[in-house]
Amino acid sequence: MYLRNIIKGDIALAVHNVDDLQEREVLPGCFARILHSEKMTVVFWRLNPATTVPQHSHSAEQITHLVEGEMALTVGSDVHNLTSGGIIRIASDVPHSVVTTTECRIVDFFAPARNDLEGLLL
């Protein structure tokens, strides 16, 4: 397991390898590896083709990076067809949903930390 804490002066950091974070199916066809810090949350997603993430919203700002795949991301009433490399910013409290076309690998960055995901700490 690649995880170590480093303290240099007043700076403390933890070094992780994403493969060492436990993967959990949080919705059918939707698998997450979650990393929390004091002020932000990062989620590494793997979604099967034809997976739907229902419309939802949260108080955290979100930046979504579609690393690999194709998906339709609906933000408010606007549909954005994203392909590998696509990045989108979603403001706080804006409803959004996802439907994948292919298998997708996604990284979501949330600030402040998504305390509502704390129960999914892996």
Protein backbone atom coordinates (compact mmCIF):
# COMPACT_ATOMS: atom_id res chain seq x y z
CA MET A 1 0.00 0.00 0.00
CA TYR A 2 1.45 3.32 -1.11
CA LEU A 3 0.47 5.68 1.68
CA ARG A 4 2.79 7.73 3.79
CA ASN A 5 2.59 10.89 5.83
CA ILE A 6 5.28 13.49 5.38
CA ILE A 7 5.98 16.39 7.72
CA LYS A 8 8.33 19.13 6.52
CA GLY A 9 8.48 22.09 8.83
CA ASP A 10 4.89 23.20 9.35
CA ILE A 11 3.62 21.40 6.24
CA ALA A 12 2.00 17.98 6.64
CA LEU A 13 0.82 15.97 3.66
CA ALA A 14 -0.23 12.46 2.86
CA VAL A 15 0.89 10.65 -0.27
CA HIS A 16 -1.57 8.11 -1.71
CA ASN A 17 -1.87 5.82 -4.70
CA VAL A 18 -5.41 5.80 -6.11
CA ASP A 19 -5.25 2.03 -6.62
CA ASP A 20 -4.88 1.62 -2.86
CA LEU A 21 -8.19 3.36 -2.14
CA GLN A 22 -10.96 0.81 -1.77
CA GLU A 23 -13.48 0.89 -4.61
CA ARG A 24 -17.16 0.72 -3.68
CA GLU A 25 -20.27 0.51 -5.87
CA VAL A 26 -22.36 3.49 -4.72
CA LEU A 27 -25.06 3.20 -7.41
CA PRO A 28 -25.66 0.42 -9.94
CA GLY A 29 -22.73 0.55 -12.38
CA CYS A 30 -21.13 3.47 -10.52
CA PHE A 31 -17.91 2.75 -8.59
CA ALA A 32 -16.09 5.29 -6.40
CA ARG A 33 -12.75 5.69 -4.64
CA ILE A 34 -12.99 8.65 -2.26
CA LEU A 35 -10.28 10.76 -0.70
CA HIS A 36 -11.18 13.38 1.91
CA SER A 37 -9.10 16.20 3.32
CA GLU A 38 -10.06 18.92 5.74
CA LYS A 39 -11.21 21.32 3.01
CA MET A 40 -11.91 19.23 -0.08
CA THR A 41 -12.99 15.86 -1.40
CA VAL A 42 -11.72 14.07 -4.51
CA VAL A 43 -13.67 11.18 -6.01
CA PHE A 44 -12.21 8.81 -8.60
CA TRP A 45 -15.13 7.28 -10.51
CA ARG A 46 -15.47 4.30 -12.82
CA LEU A 47 -18.88 4.16 -14.50
CA ASN A 48 -20.15 1.36 -16.72
CA PRO A 49 -21.71 2.14 -20.11
CA ALA A 50 -25.37 3.28 -19.96
CA THR A 51 -25.08 4.23 -16.28
CA THR A 52 -27.32 7.00 -14.97
CA VAL A 53 -26.46 9.21 -12.01
CA PRO A 54 -29.80 10.81 -11.08
CA GLN A 55 -30.22 14.57 -10.80
CA HIS A 56 -28.84 15.91 -7.53
CA SER A 57 -27.21 19.01 -6.08
CA HIS A 58 -24.95 19.87 -3.15
CA SER A 59 -23.49 22.93 -1.48
CA ALA A 60 -19.94 22.18 -2.66
CA GLU A 61 -18.52 23.57 -5.89
CA GLN A 62 -17.51 20.79 -8.27
CA ILE A 63 -14.97 20.42 -11.04
CA THR A 64 -15.43 17.29 -13.13
CA HIS A 65 -12.66 15.90 -15.35
CA LEU A 66 -13.68 13.15 -17.74
CA VAL A 67 -10.40 11.27 -18.02
CA GLU A 68 -11.70 8.61 -20.38
CA GLY A 69 -14.99 7.86 -22.12
CA GLU A 70 -18.10 9.66 -23.33
CA MET A 71 -21.02 10.95 -21.28
CA ALA A 72 -23.85 13.45 -21.26
CA LEU A 73 -23.70 15.75 -18.23
CA THR A 74 -26.85 17.79 -17.67
CA VAL A 75 -26.26 20.94 -15.62
CA GLY A 76 -29.46 22.83 -14.90
CA SER A 77 -31.31 22.48 -18.21
CA ASP A 78 -28.18 22.38 -20.41
CA VAL A 79 -26.83 19.07 -21.74
CA HIS A 80 -23.05 18.90 -22.28
CA ASN A 81 -21.70 15.95 -24.29
CA LEU A 82 -18.24 15.36 -22.90
CA THR A 83 -15.47 13.18 -24.32
CA SER A 84 -12.07 12.18 -22.92
CA GLY A 85 -10.28 15.22 -21.56
CA GLY A 86 -13.44 17.27 -21.02
CA ILE A 87 -13.62 19.46 -17.92
CA ILE A 88 -16.63 21.28 -16.51
CA ARG A 89 -17.20 23.46 -13.43
CA ILE A 90 -20.51 23.19 -11.58
CA ALA A 91 -21.47 25.95 -9.13
CA SER A 92 -22.88 25.24 -5.68
CA ASP A 93 -26.48 24.05 -5.45
CA VAL A 94 -26.94 23.61 -9.23
CA PRO A 95 -28.85 20.42 -10.14
CA HIS A 96 -26.91 18.05 -12.37
CA SER A 97 -27.02 14.45 -13.65
CA VAL A 98 -24.99 12.07 -15.82
CA VAL A 99 -25.70 9.39 -18.42
CA THR A 100 -22.69 7.50 -19.76
CA THR A 101 -22.37 6.32 -23.35
CA THR A 102 -19.20 4.26 -22.82
CA GLU A 103 -17.26 3.14 -19.78
CA CYS A 104 -16.02 6.34 -18.13
CA ARG A 105 -13.23 7.26 -15.76
CA ILE A 106 -13.94 10.54 -14.03
CA VAL A 107 -12.28 12.60 -11.32
CA ASP A 108 -14.48 14.99 -9.32
CA PHE A 109 -13.03 17.71 -7.12
CA PHE A 110 -15.29 19.23 -4.45
CA ALA A 111 -14.73 22.26 -2.22
CA PRO A 112 -15.51 22.54 0.55
CA ALA A 113 -15.25 18.89 1.55
CA ARG A 114 -18.35 16.78 0.91
CA ASN A 115 -19.14 15.80 4.49
CA ASP A 116 -22.28 14.06 3.18
CA LEU A 117 -19.91 11.51 1.58
CA GLU A 118 -18.14 10.85 4.87
CA GLY A 119 -19.98 7.54 5.29
CA LEU A 120 -18.40 6.42 2.02
CA LEU A 121 -14.86 7.10 3.23
CA LEU A 122 -12.92 4.25 1.73
